[in-house]
PDB file of N, CA and C in Angstrom:
ATOM      1  N   MET A   1      33.189-106.369 106.700  1.00  0.00           N
ATOM      2  CA  MET A   1      33.334-105.380 107.754  1.00  0.00           C
ATOM      3  C   MET A   1      34.806-105.041 107.982  1.00  0.00           C
ATOM      4  N   LEU A   2      35.654-106.030 107.890  1.00  0.00           N
ATOM      5  CA  LEU A   2      37.075-105.814 108.088  1.00  0.00           C
ATOM      6  C   LEU A   2      37.653-104.933 106.982  1.00  0.00           C
ATOM      7  N   SER A   3      37.183-105.117 105.761  1.00  0.00           N
ATOM      8  CA  SER A   3      37.695-104.295 104.656  1.00  0.00           C
ATOM      9  C   SER A   3      37.287-102.829 104.830  1.00  0.00           C
ATOM     10  N   PHE A   4      36.097-102.588 105.379  1.00  0.00           N
ATOM     11  CA  PHE A   4      35.658-101.220 105.634  1.00  0.00           C
ATOM     12  C   PHE A   4      36.609-100.529 106.597  1.00  0.00           C
ATOM     13  N   PHE A   5      36.948-101.181 107.700  1.00  0.00           N
ATOM     14  CA  PHE A   5      37.846-100.572 108.674  1.00  0.00           C
ATOM     15  C   PHE A   5      39.259-100.428 108.133  1.00  0.00           C
ATOM     16  N   THR A   6      39.670-101.334 107.264  1.00  0.00           N
ATOM     17  CA  THR A   6      40.990-101.220 106.642  1.00  0.00           C
ATOM     18  C   THR A   6      41.061 -99.988 105.749  1.00  0.00           C
ATOM     19  N   VAL A   7      40.064 -99.805 104.931  1.00  0.00           N
ATOM     20  CA  VAL A   7      40.023 -98.630 104.053  1.00  0.00           C
ATOM     21  C   VAL A   7      39.905 -97.359 104.888  1.00  0.00           C
ATOM     22  N   LEU A   8      39.101 -97.388 105.926  1.00  0.00           N
ATOM     23  CA  LEU A   8      38.950 -96.227 106.797  1.00  0.00           C
ATOM     24  C   LEU A   8      40.280 -95.878 107.457  1.00  0.00           C
ATOM     25  N   LEU A   9      41.001 -96.857 107.932  1.00  0.00           N
ATOM     26  CA  LEU A   9      42.288 -96.627 108.569  1.00  0.00           C
ATOM     27  C   LEU A   9      43.306 -96.058 107.580  1.00  0.00           C
ATOM     28  N   ILE A  10      43.292 -96.543 106.359  1.00  0.00           N
ATOM     29  CA  ILE A  10      44.206 -96.028 105.335  1.00  0.00           C
ATOM     30  C   ILE A  10      43.879 -94.573 105.015  1.00  0.00           C
ATOM     31  N   LEU A  11      42.604 -94.248 104.885  1.00  0.00           N
ATOM     32  CA  LEU A  11      42.210 -92.873 104.578  1.00  0.00           C
ATOM     33  C   LEU A  11      42.534 -91.913 105.724  1.00  0.00           C
ATOM     34  N   VAL A  12      42.303 -92.347 106.947  1.00  0.00           N
ATOM     35  CA  VAL A  12      42.624 -91.502 108.105  1.00  0.00           C
ATOM     36  C   VAL A  12      44.134 -91.303 108.194  1.00  0.00           C
ATOM     37  N   GLY A  13      44.907 -92.349 107.943  1.00  0.00           N
ATOM     38  CA  GLY A  13      46.365 -92.227 107.961  1.00  0.00           C
ATOM     39  C   GLY A  13      46.873 -91.290 106.878  1.00  0.00           C
ATOM     40  N   ALA A  14      46.308 -91.377 105.673  1.00  0.00           N
ATOM     41  CA  ALA A  14      46.696 -90.478 104.587  1.00  0.00           C
ATOM     42  C   ALA A  14      46.337 -89.033 104.934  1.00  0.00           C
ATOM     43  N   ASN A  15      45.186 -88.846 105.558  1.00  0.00           N
ATOM     44  CA  ASN A  15      44.767 -87.508 105.959  1.00  0.00           C
ATOM     45  C   ASN A  15      45.735 -86.923 106.984  1.00  0.00           C
ATOM     46  N   LEU A  16      46.147 -87.721 107.950  1.00  0.00           N
ATOM     47  CA  LEU A  16      47.107 -87.250 108.947  1.00  0.00           C
ATOM     48  C   LEU A  16      48.455 -86.920 108.310  1.00  0.00           C
ATOM     49  N   LEU A  17      48.877 -87.728 107.359  1.00  0.00           N
ATOM     50  CA  LEU A  17      50.136 -87.470 106.670  1.00  0.00           C
ATOM     51  C   LEU A  17      50.081 -86.155 105.906  1.00  0.00           C
ATOM     52  N   PHE A  18      49.007 -85.938 105.159  1.00  0.00           N
ATOM     53  CA  PHE A  18      48.877 -84.693 104.403  1.00  0.00           C
ATOM     54  C   PHE A  18      48.763 -83.481 105.318  1.00  0.00           C
ATOM     55  N   MET A  19      48.081 -83.631 106.437  1.00  0.00           N
ATOM     56  CA  MET A  19      47.963 -82.529 107.380  1.00  0.00           C
ATOM     57  C   MET A  19      49.324 -82.178 107.981  1.00  0.00           C
ATOM     58  N   ALA A  20      50.113 -83.192 108.317  1.00  0.00           N
ATOM     59  CA  ALA A  20      51.442 -82.954 108.879  1.00  0.00           C
ATOM     60  C   ALA A  20      52.345 -82.269 107.858  1.00  0.00           C
ATOM     61  N   LEU A  21      52.292 -82.716 106.608  1.00  0.00           N
ATOM     62  CA  LEU A  21      53.104 -82.080 105.571  1.00  0.00           C
ATOM     63  C   LEU A  21      52.672 -80.637 105.339  1.00  0.00           C
ATOM     64  N   ASN A  22      51.393 -80.374 105.414  1.00  0.00           N
ATOM     65  CA  ASN A  22      50.884 -79.017 105.248  1.00  0.00           C
ATOM     66  C   ASN A  22      51.350 -78.119 106.386  1.00  0.00           C
ATOM     67  N   LEU A  23      51.296 -78.617 107.604  1.00  0.00           N
ATOM     68  CA  LEU A  23      51.724 -77.815 108.752  1.00  0.00           C
ATOM     69  C   LEU A  23      53.220 -77.565 108.731  1.00  0.00           C
ATOM     70  N   ILE A  24      53.996 -78.515 108.263  1.00  0.00           N
ATOM     71  CA  ILE A  24      55.444 -78.313 108.148  1.00  0.00           C
ATOM     72  C   ILE A  24      55.731 -77.231 107.108  1.00  0.00           C
ATOM     73  N   GLY A  25      54.996 -77.234 106.029  1.00  0.00           N
ATOM     74  CA  GLY A  25      55.186 -76.217 104.990  1.00  0.00           C
ATOM     75  C   GLY A  25      54.762 -74.838 105.448  1.00  0.00           C
ATOM     76  N   LEU A  26      53.757 -74.746 106.291  1.00  0.00           N
ATOM     77  CA  LEU A  26      53.288 -73.450 106.764  1.00  0.00           C
ATOM     78  C   LEU A  26      54.192 -72.855 107.828  1.00  0.00           C
ATOM     79  N   SER A  27      54.967 -73.666 108.522  1.00  0.00           N
ATOM     80  CA  SER A  27      55.807 -73.147 109.597  1.00  0.00           C
ATOM     81  C   SER A  27      56.880 -72.208 109.067  1.00  0.00           C
ATOM     82  N   GLY A  28      57.399 -72.444 107.890  1.00  0.00           N
ATOM     83  CA  GLY A  28      58.415 -71.578 107.319  1.00  0.00           C
ATOM     84  C   GLY A  28      57.845 -70.437 106.516  1.00  0.00           C
ATOM     85  N   TRP A  29      56.555 -70.436 106.267  1.00  0.00           N
ATOM     86  CA  TRP A  29      55.950 -69.422 105.416  1.00  0.00           C
ATOM     87  C   TRP A  29      55.942 -68.046 106.058  1.00  0.00           C
ATOM     88  N   GLY A  30      55.691 -67.960 107.352  1.00  0.00           N
ATOM     89  CA  GLY A  30      55.601 -66.670 108.019  1.00  0.00           C
ATOM     90  C   GLY A  30      56.911 -65.919 108.048  1.00  0.00           C
ATOM     91  N   LYS A  31      58.018 -66.618 108.058  1.00  0.00           N
ATOM     92  CA  LYS A  31      59.326 -65.982 108.099  1.00  0.00           C
ATOM     93  C   LYS A  31      59.661 -65.306 106.785  1.00  0.00           C
ATOM     94  N   LYS A  32      59.124 -65.794 105.699  1.00  0.00           N
ATOM     95  CA  LYS A  32      59.427 -65.256 104.384  1.00  0.00           C
ATOM     96  C   LYS A  32      58.416 -64.205 103.938  1.00  0.00           C
ATOM     97  N   SER A  33      57.480 -63.835 104.789  1.00  0.00           N
ATOM     98  CA  SER A  33      56.397 -62.964 104.345  1.00  0.00           C
ATOM     99  C   SER A  33      56.892 -61.570 103.991  1.00  0.00           C
ATOM    100  N   GLY A  34      57.932 -61.080 104.657  1.00  0.00           N
ATOM    101  CA  GLY A  34      58.467 -59.759 104.327  1.00  0.00           C
ATOM    102  C   GLY A  34      59.039 -59.725 102.930  1.00  0.00           C
ATOM    103  N   GLN A  35      59.791 -60.731 102.579  1.00  0.00           N
ATOM    104  CA  GLN A  35      60.355 -60.806 101.245  1.00  0.00           C
ATOM    105  C   GLN A  35      59.260 -61.050 100.222  1.00  0.00           C
ATOM    106  N   HIS A  36      58.286 -61.854 100.604  1.00  0.00           N
ATOM    107  CA  HIS A  36      57.199 -62.187  99.689  1.00  0.00           C
ATOM    108  C   HIS A  36      56.347 -60.954  99.391  1.00  0.00           C
ATOM    109  N   SER A  37      56.048 -60.139 100.387  1.00  0.00           N
ATOM    110  CA  SER A  37      55.211 -58.965 100.157  1.00  0.00           C
ATOM    111  C   SER A  37      55.957 -57.927  99.326  1.00  0.00           C
ATOM    112  N   ALA A  38      57.274 -57.801  99.523  1.00  0.00           N
ATOM    113  CA  ALA A  38      58.050 -56.872  98.709  1.00  0.00           C
ATOM    114  C   ALA A  38      58.071 -57.339  97.256  1.00  0.00           C
ATOM    115  N   LYS A  39      58.144 -58.634  97.060  1.00  0.00           N
ATOM    116  CA  LYS A  39      58.139 -59.189  95.715  1.00  0.00           C
ATOM    117  C   LYS A  39      56.795 -58.940  95.037  1.00  0.00           C
ATOM    118  N   LEU A  40      55.704 -59.088  95.799  1.00  0.00           N
ATOM    119  CA  LEU A  40      54.374 -58.847  95.232  1.00  0.00           C
ATOM    120  C   LEU A  40      54.181 -57.375  94.887  1.00  0.00           C
ATOM    121  N   ALA A  41      54.677 -56.483  95.737  1.00  0.00           N
ATOM    122  CA  ALA A  41      54.513 -55.055  95.482  1.00  0.00           C
ATOM    123  C   ALA A  41      55.266 -54.638  94.228  1.00  0.00           C
ATOM    124  N   SER A  42      56.421 -55.220  93.995  1.00  0.00           N
ATOM    125  CA  SER A  42      57.192 -54.864  92.814  1.00  0.00           C
ATOM    126  C   SER A  42      56.639 -55.501  91.549  1.00  0.00           C
ATOM    127  N   SER A  43      55.806 -56.512  91.687  1.00  0.00           N
ATOM    128  CA  SER A  43      55.285 -57.191  90.505  1.00  0.00           C
ATOM    129  C   SER A  43      54.059 -56.494  89.920  1.00  0.00           C
ATOM    130  N   GLY A  44      53.571 -55.454  90.555  1.00  0.00           N
ATOM    131  CA  GLY A  44      52.455 -54.710  90.003  1.00  0.00           C
ATOM    132  C   GLY A  44      51.105 -55.091  90.583  1.00  0.00           C
ATOM    133  N   ILE A  45      51.054 -55.931  91.573  1.00  0.00           N
ATOM    134  CA  ILE A  45      49.787 -56.295  92.203  1.00  0.00           C
ATOM    135  C   ILE A  45      49.400 -55.189  93.180  1.00  0.00           C
ATOM    136  N   ARG A  46      48.201 -54.687  93.049  1.00  0.00           N
ATOM    137  CA  ARG A  46      47.764 -53.587  93.900  1.00  0.00           C
ATOM    138  C   ARG A  46      47.134 -54.107  95.185  1.00  0.00           C
ATOM    139  N   THR A  47      47.221 -53.294  96.233  1.00  0.00           N
ATOM    140  CA  THR A  47      46.601 -53.654  97.494  1.00  0.00           C
ATOM    141  C   THR A  47      45.113 -53.336  97.433  1.00  0.00           C
ATOM    142  N   TRP A  48      44.390 -53.807  98.440  1.00  0.00           N
ATOM    143  CA  TRP A  48      42.946 -53.587  98.479  1.00  0.00           C
ATOM    144  C   TRP A  48      42.619 -52.102  98.601  1.00  0.00           C
ATOM    145  N   LYS A  49      43.402 -51.350  99.365  1.00  0.00           N
ATOM    146  CA  LYS A  49      43.146 -49.915  99.528  1.00  0.00           C
ATOM    147  C   LYS A  49      43.327 -49.167  98.213  1.00  0.00           C
ATOM    148  N   GLU A  50      44.357 -49.532  97.453  1.00  0.00           N
ATOM    149  CA  GLU A  50      44.577 -48.877  96.171  1.00  0.00           C
ATOM    150  C   GLU A  50      43.436 -49.174  95.196  1.00  0.00           C
ATOM    151  N   LEU A  51      42.982 -50.416  95.171  1.00  0.00           N
ATOM    152  CA  LEU A  51      41.874 -50.772  94.290  1.00  0.00           C
ATOM    153  C   LEU A  51      40.585 -50.074  94.699  1.00  0.00           C
ATOM    154  N   LYS A  52      40.365 -49.973  96.007  1.00  0.00           N
ATOM    155  CA  LYS A  52      39.158 -49.309  96.507  1.00  0.00           C
ATOM    156  C   LYS A  52      39.170 -47.823  96.153  1.00  0.00           C
ATOM    157  N   ALA A  53      40.329 -47.183  96.296  1.00  0.00           N
ATOM    158  CA  ALA A  53      40.442 -45.766  95.966  1.00  0.00           C
ATOM    159  C   ALA A  53      40.226 -45.551  94.464  1.00  0.00           C
ATOM    160  N   LYS A  54      40.788 -46.434  93.649  1.00  0.00           N
ATOM    161  CA  LYS A  54      40.624 -46.326  92.209  1.00  0.00           C
ATOM    162  C   LYS A  54      39.160 -46.525  91.823  1.00  0.00           C
ATOM    163  N   PHE A  55      38.481 -47.461  92.492  1.00  0.00           N
ATOM    164  CA  PHE A  55      37.083 -47.695  92.219  1.00  0.00           C
ATOM    165  C   PHE A  55      36.233 -46.490  92.592  1.00  0.00           C
ATOM    166  N   LYS A  56      36.551 -45.827  93.709  1.00  0.00           N
ATOM    167  CA  LYS A  56      35.794 -44.641  94.128  1.00  0.00           C
ATOM    168  C   LYS A  56      35.962 -43.509  93.113  1.00  0.00           C
ATOM    169  N   LYS A  57      37.171 -43.398  92.553  1.00  0.00           N
ATOM    170  CA  LYS A  57      37.406 -42.355  91.567  1.00  0.00           C
ATOM    171  C   LYS A  57      36.571 -42.592  90.317  1.00  0.00           C
ATOM    172  N   THR A  58      36.428 -43.827  89.904  1.00  0.00           N
ATOM    173  CA  THR A  58      35.676 -44.110  88.683  1.00  0.00           C
ATOM    174  C   THR A  58      34.167 -43.989  88.886  1.00  0.00           C
ATOM    175  N   VAL A  59      33.717 -44.241  90.096  1.00  0.00           N
ATOM    176  CA  VAL A  59      32.280 -44.163  90.368  1.00  0.00           C
ATOM    177  C   VAL A  59      31.957 -42.736  90.682  1.00  0.00           C
TER     178      VAL A  59
END
């Protein structure tokens, strides 16, 4: 029974650690979104509206 709680505690602790690291990484992501979207637009990736319009033309 003790080993079960030990493993459970280790898994919960690892989960909290990964969640904290994920949240720290996401905090800086929103600030870079302007640069990121400009980079995506220049790389040739089309937006959903452009793809939808192109699809309507073909159909």
